[in-house]
Amino acid sequence: MFYGEHFCKLDEKGRFLLPTAVRDLLCPDVPTGETGVVFLKRSEPACLRAYTLTEWAAVLTKTKARLDEDQSRLFMHHVVSETATSEIDKAGRILIPGKLRKHINLADDQEIVLVGMYEYFEIWNPSDFRRHLAKAEDRHEASMSKIMDLL
């Protein structure tokens, strides 16, 4: 399960070093120094979702079971075709492809924030994430109160 916020810095090639805790969750069976893979999908508002192979396969299976043929084609054309795989290199870095970096308005050598969302994590431009949180808190004040009462 992914949780917490992790700040990382993109290098000049658009790669970032995964924090060890996140890497261990992404690739639990891959020994250190070996490579793994992550599935990166555009999401709204202006963030990316990163899935393990197992979780991405579960998303596809669940979606296929719930959609009719026309809806399934739309899903394939608008979601699956826009999804990229990125290898986790031996140093523990992930490359965010240029097309996806543009979607979340990232420049090279910029900081990003990884946000744990249970079975996947999101990748955000930190300033966009702060704005998103502020808007959500304003819009959902009563819900936030209930959530905080649970803790």
C-alpha atoms as a PDB file:
ATOM      1  CA  MET A   1       0.000   0.000   0.000  1.00  0.00           C
ATOM      2  CA  PHE A   2       1.386   3.402  -1.008  1.00  0.00           C
ATOM      3  CA  TYR A   3       1.125   6.221   1.510  1.00  0.00           C
ATOM      4  CA  GLY A   4       2.668   9.552   2.409  1.00  0.00           C
ATOM      5  CA  GLU A   5       4.303  12.284   0.382  1.00  0.00           C
ATOM      6  CA  HIS A   6       7.791  11.935  -1.030  1.00  0.00           C
ATOM      7  CA  PHE A   7       9.633  14.815  -2.681  1.00  0.00           C
ATOM      8  CA  CYS A   8      12.002  13.930  -5.510  1.00  0.00           C
ATOM      9  CA  LYS A   9      13.965  15.919  -8.062  1.00  0.00           C
ATOM     10  CA  LEU A  10      13.888  15.326 -11.797  1.00  0.00           C
ATOM     11  CA  ASP A  11      17.235  15.202 -13.539  1.00  0.00           C
ATOM     12  CA  GLU A  12      17.982  16.732 -16.932  1.00  0.00           C
ATOM     13  CA  LYS A  13      16.616  13.611 -18.672  1.00  0.00           C
ATOM     14  CA  GLY A  14      13.286  13.627 -16.806  1.00  0.00           C
ATOM     15  CA  ARG A  15      14.199  10.835 -14.383  1.00  0.00           C
ATOM     16  CA  PHE A  16      13.769  10.758 -10.635  1.00  0.00           C
ATOM     17  CA  LEU A  17      15.183   8.524  -7.942  1.00  0.00           C
ATOM     18  CA  LEU A  18      12.499   6.507  -6.185  1.00  0.00           C
ATOM     19  CA  PRO A  19      12.596   6.649  -2.414  1.00  0.00           C
ATOM     20  CA  THR A  20      13.531   3.191  -1.120  1.00  0.00           C
ATOM     21  CA  ALA A  21      10.155   2.682   0.606  1.00  0.00           C
ATOM     22  CA  VAL A  22       8.294   3.355  -2.665  1.00  0.00           C
ATOM     23  CA  ARG A  23      10.655   1.204  -4.729  1.00  0.00           C
ATOM     24  CA  ASP A  24      10.182  -1.704  -2.327  1.00  0.00           C
ATOM     25  CA  LEU A  25       6.394  -1.441  -2.776  1.00  0.00           C
ATOM     26  CA  LEU A  26       6.622  -1.139  -6.569  1.00  0.00           C
ATOM     27  CA  CYS A  27       8.965  -4.072  -6.984  1.00  0.00           C
ATOM     28  CA  PRO A  28       8.755  -6.257  -3.885  1.00  0.00           C
ATOM     29  CA  ASP A  29      10.197  -9.320  -5.628  1.00  0.00           C
ATOM     30  CA  VAL A  30      12.950  -7.526  -7.567  1.00  0.00           C
ATOM     31  CA  PRO A  31      16.356  -7.663  -5.878  1.00  0.00           C
ATOM     32  CA  THR A  32      18.261  -4.401  -5.383  1.00  0.00           C
ATOM     33  CA  GLY A  33      20.305  -3.674  -8.490  1.00  0.00           C
ATOM     34  CA  GLU A  34      17.777  -5.334 -10.798  1.00  0.00           C
ATOM     35  CA  THR A  35      15.141  -3.554 -12.869  1.00  0.00           C
ATOM     36  CA  GLY A  36      11.368  -3.385 -12.550  1.00  0.00           C
ATOM     37  CA  VAL A  37       8.578  -1.646 -14.422  1.00  0.00           C
ATOM     38  CA  VAL A  38       5.919   0.911 -13.582  1.00  0.00           C
ATOM     39  CA  PHE A  39       2.821   1.924 -15.565  1.00  0.00           C
ATOM     40  CA  LEU A  40       2.273   5.695 -15.841  1.00  0.00           C
ATOM     41  CA  LYS A  41      -1.165   7.041 -16.751  1.00  0.00           C
ATOM     42  CA  ARG A  42      -2.453  10.577 -17.164  1.00  0.00           C
ATOM     43  CA  SER A  43      -4.966  11.588 -14.556  1.00  0.00           C
ATOM     44  CA  GLU A  44      -6.953  14.668 -13.669  1.00  0.00           C
ATOM     45  CA  PRO A  45      -6.408  17.206 -12.363  1.00  0.00           C
ATOM     46  CA  ALA A  46      -2.944  17.436 -13.957  1.00  0.00           C
ATOM     47  CA  CYS A  47      -1.180  14.542 -12.283  1.00  0.00           C
ATOM     48  CA  LEU A  48       0.062  11.087 -13.219  1.00  0.00           C
ATOM     49  CA  ARG A  49      -0.847   7.778 -11.645  1.00  0.00           C
ATOM     50  CA  ALA A  50       1.856   5.142 -11.256  1.00  0.00           C
ATOM     51  CA  TYR A  51       0.846   1.486 -10.950  1.00  0.00           C
ATOM     52  CA  THR A  52       2.672  -1.766 -10.355  1.00  0.00           C
ATOM     53  CA  LEU A  53       2.232  -4.457 -13.000  1.00  0.00           C
ATOM     54  CA  THR A  54      -0.151  -6.338 -10.685  1.00  0.00           C
ATOM     55  CA  GLU A  55      -2.329  -3.292  -9.956  1.00  0.00           C
ATOM     56  CA  TRP A  56      -2.414  -2.180 -13.613  1.00  0.00           C
ATOM     57  CA  ALA A  57      -3.534  -5.684 -14.634  1.00  0.00           C
ATOM     58  CA  ALA A  58      -6.265  -5.511 -11.947  1.00  0.00           C
ATOM     59  CA  VAL A  59      -7.465  -2.135 -13.305  1.00  0.00           C
ATOM     60  CA  LEU A  60      -7.679  -3.572 -16.822  1.00  0.00           C
ATOM     61  CA  THR A  61      -9.505  -6.706 -15.652  1.00  0.00           C
ATOM     62  CA  LYS A  62     -12.003  -4.742 -13.542  1.00  0.00           C
ATOM     63  CA  THR A  63     -12.625  -2.242 -16.338  1.00  0.00           C
ATOM     64  CA  LYS A  64     -13.076  -4.920 -18.984  1.00  0.00           C
ATOM     65  CA  ALA A  65     -15.683  -6.664 -16.818  1.00  0.00           C
ATOM     66  CA  ARG A  66     -17.723  -3.464 -16.309  1.00  0.00           C
ATOM     67  CA  LEU A  67     -17.735  -1.979 -19.809  1.00  0.00           C
ATOM     68  CA  ASP A  68     -19.622  -2.953 -22.919  1.00  0.00           C
ATOM     69  CA  GLU A  69     -17.759  -3.263 -26.230  1.00  0.00           C
ATOM     70  CA  ASP A  70     -18.106   0.400 -27.255  1.00  0.00           C
ATOM     71  CA  GLN A  71     -17.118   1.655 -23.810  1.00  0.00           C
ATOM     72  CA  SER A  72     -14.187  -0.747 -23.777  1.00  0.00           C
ATOM     73  CA  ARG A  73     -12.936   0.632 -27.103  1.00  0.00           C
ATOM     74  CA  LEU A  74     -13.211   4.188 -25.746  1.00  0.00           C
ATOM     75  CA  PHE A  75     -11.282   3.137 -22.657  1.00  0.00           C
ATOM     76  CA  MET A  76      -8.586   1.528 -24.796  1.00  0.00           C
ATOM     77  CA  HIS A  77      -8.328   4.563 -27.091  1.00  0.00           C
ATOM     78  CA  HIS A  78      -8.349   7.252 -24.419  1.00  0.00           C
ATOM     79  CA  VAL A  79      -6.730   5.586 -21.422  1.00  0.00           C
ATOM     80  CA  VAL A  80      -4.715   2.512 -22.324  1.00  0.00           C
ATOM     81  CA  SER A  81      -3.178   4.062 -25.452  1.00  0.00           C
ATOM     82  CA  GLU A  82      -1.988   7.043 -23.371  1.00  0.00           C
ATOM     83  CA  THR A  83      -0.407   4.840 -20.697  1.00  0.00           C
ATOM     84  CA  ALA A  84       3.366   4.471 -20.741  1.00  0.00           C
ATOM     85  CA  THR A  85       5.614   1.921 -19.159  1.00  0.00           C
ATOM     86  CA  SER A  86       8.824   3.038 -17.592  1.00  0.00           C
ATOM     87  CA  GLU A  87      11.570   0.748 -16.460  1.00  0.00           C
ATOM     88  CA  ILE A  88      12.978   1.279 -13.013  1.00  0.00           C
ATOM     89  CA  ASP A  89      16.677   1.266 -13.775  1.00  0.00           C
ATOM     90  CA  LYS A  90      19.367  -0.409 -11.669  1.00  0.00           C
ATOM     91  CA  ALA A  91      19.946   2.879  -9.807  1.00  0.00           C
ATOM     92  CA  GLY A  92      16.239   2.991  -8.824  1.00  0.00           C
ATOM     93  CA  ARG A  93      15.267   5.803 -11.206  1.00  0.00           C
ATOM     94  CA  ILE A  94      12.105   6.165 -13.274  1.00  0.00           C
ATOM     95  CA  LEU A  95      11.912   8.152 -16.483  1.00  0.00           C
ATOM     96  CA  ILE A  96       8.753  10.200 -16.955  1.00  0.00           C
ATOM     97  CA  PRO A  97       8.278  10.364 -20.749  1.00  0.00           C
ATOM     98  CA  GLY A  98       8.240  13.904 -22.201  1.00  0.00           C
ATOM     99  CA  LYS A  99       4.576  13.707 -23.240  1.00  0.00           C
ATOM    100  CA  LEU A 100       3.556  12.894 -19.665  1.00  0.00           C
ATOM    101  CA  ARG A 101       5.890  15.540 -18.191  1.00  0.00           C
ATOM    102  CA  LYS A 102       4.065  18.117 -20.342  1.00  0.00           C
ATOM    103  CA  HIS A 103       0.690  16.900 -19.029  1.00  0.00           C
ATOM    104  CA  ILE A 104       1.698  17.814 -15.473  1.00  0.00           C
ATOM    105  CA  ASN A 105       3.691  20.883 -16.479  1.00  0.00           C
ATOM    106  CA  LEU A 106       7.121  19.681 -15.362  1.00  0.00           C
ATOM    107  CA  ALA A 107      10.440  21.180 -16.371  1.00  0.00           C
ATOM    108  CA  ASP A 108      13.746  19.334 -16.204  1.00  0.00           C
ATOM    109  CA  ASP A 109      15.577  19.693 -12.892  1.00  0.00           C
ATOM    110  CA  GLN A 110      12.280  20.354 -11.114  1.00  0.00           C
ATOM    111  CA  GLU A 111      11.038  18.912  -7.861  1.00  0.00           C
ATOM    112  CA  ILE A 112       8.041  16.568  -7.930  1.00  0.00           C
ATOM    113  CA  VAL A 113       5.911  15.100  -5.170  1.00  0.00           C
ATOM    114  CA  LEU A 114       4.815  11.461  -5.024  1.00  0.00           C
ATOM    115  CA  VAL A 115       1.527  11.034  -3.162  1.00  0.00           C
ATOM    116  CA  GLY A 116       0.529   7.587  -1.908  1.00  0.00           C
ATOM    117  CA  MET A 117      -3.011   6.586  -2.852  1.00  0.00           C
ATOM    118  CA  TYR A 118      -3.251   3.002  -1.511  1.00  0.00           C
ATOM    119  CA  GLU A 119      -2.780   0.806  -4.600  1.00  0.00           C
ATOM    120  CA  TYR A 120      -1.022   3.422  -6.745  1.00  0.00           C
ATOM    121  CA  PHE A 121       0.765   6.709  -6.249  1.00  0.00           C
ATOM    122  CA  GLU A 122       0.316  10.043  -7.949  1.00  0.00           C
ATOM    123  CA  ILE A 123       3.061  12.239  -9.366  1.00  0.00           C
ATOM    124  CA  TRP A 124       2.446  15.980  -9.073  1.00  0.00           C
ATOM    125  CA  ASN A 125       4.067  19.306  -9.707  1.00  0.00           C
ATOM    126  CA  PRO A 126       4.287  20.446  -6.040  1.00  0.00           C
ATOM    127  CA  SER A 127       2.668  23.849  -6.642  1.00  0.00           C
ATOM    128  CA  ASP A 128      -0.243  22.225  -8.504  1.00  0.00           C
ATOM    129  CA  PHE A 129      -0.651  19.733  -5.653  1.00  0.00           C
ATOM    130  CA  ARG A 130      -0.809  22.511  -3.047  1.00  0.00           C
ATOM    131  CA  ARG A 131      -3.443  24.355  -5.124  1.00  0.00           C
ATOM    132  CA  HIS A 132      -5.431  21.127  -5.526  1.00  0.00           C
ATOM    133  CA  LEU A 133      -5.398  20.529  -1.759  1.00  0.00           C
ATOM    134  CA  ALA A 134      -6.467  24.103  -1.001  1.00  0.00           C
ATOM    135  CA  LYS A 135      -9.392  23.878  -3.447  1.00  0.00           C
ATOM    136  CA  ALA A 136     -10.449  20.494  -2.090  1.00  0.00           C
ATOM    137  CA  GLU A 137     -10.370  21.731   1.503  1.00  0.00           C
ATOM    138  CA  ASP A 138     -12.508  24.750   0.616  1.00  0.00           C
ATOM    139  CA  ARG A 139     -14.993  22.640  -1.350  1.00  0.00           C
ATOM    140  CA  HIS A 140     -15.258  19.820   1.134  1.00  0.00           C
ATOM    141  CA  GLU A 141     -14.997  21.461   4.538  1.00  0.00           C
ATOM    142  CA  ALA A 142     -17.698  19.250   6.095  1.00  0.00           C
ATOM    143  CA  SER A 143     -16.122  16.090   4.683  1.00  0.00           C
ATOM    144  CA  MET A 144     -12.700  17.154   5.968  1.00  0.00           C
ATOM    145  CA  SER A 145     -14.182  17.615   9.424  1.00  0.00           C
ATOM    146  CA  LYS A 146     -15.622  14.091   9.348  1.00  0.00           C
ATOM    147  CA  ILE A 147     -12.316  12.650   8.100  1.00  0.00           C
ATOM    148  CA  MET A 148     -10.361  14.379  10.847  1.00  0.00           C
ATOM    149  CA  ASP A 149     -12.840  13.124  13.465  1.00  0.00           C
ATOM    150  CA  LEU A 150     -12.056   9.550  12.358  1.00  0.00           C
ATOM    151  CA  LEU A 151      -8.433  10.082  13.275  1.00  0.00           C
END
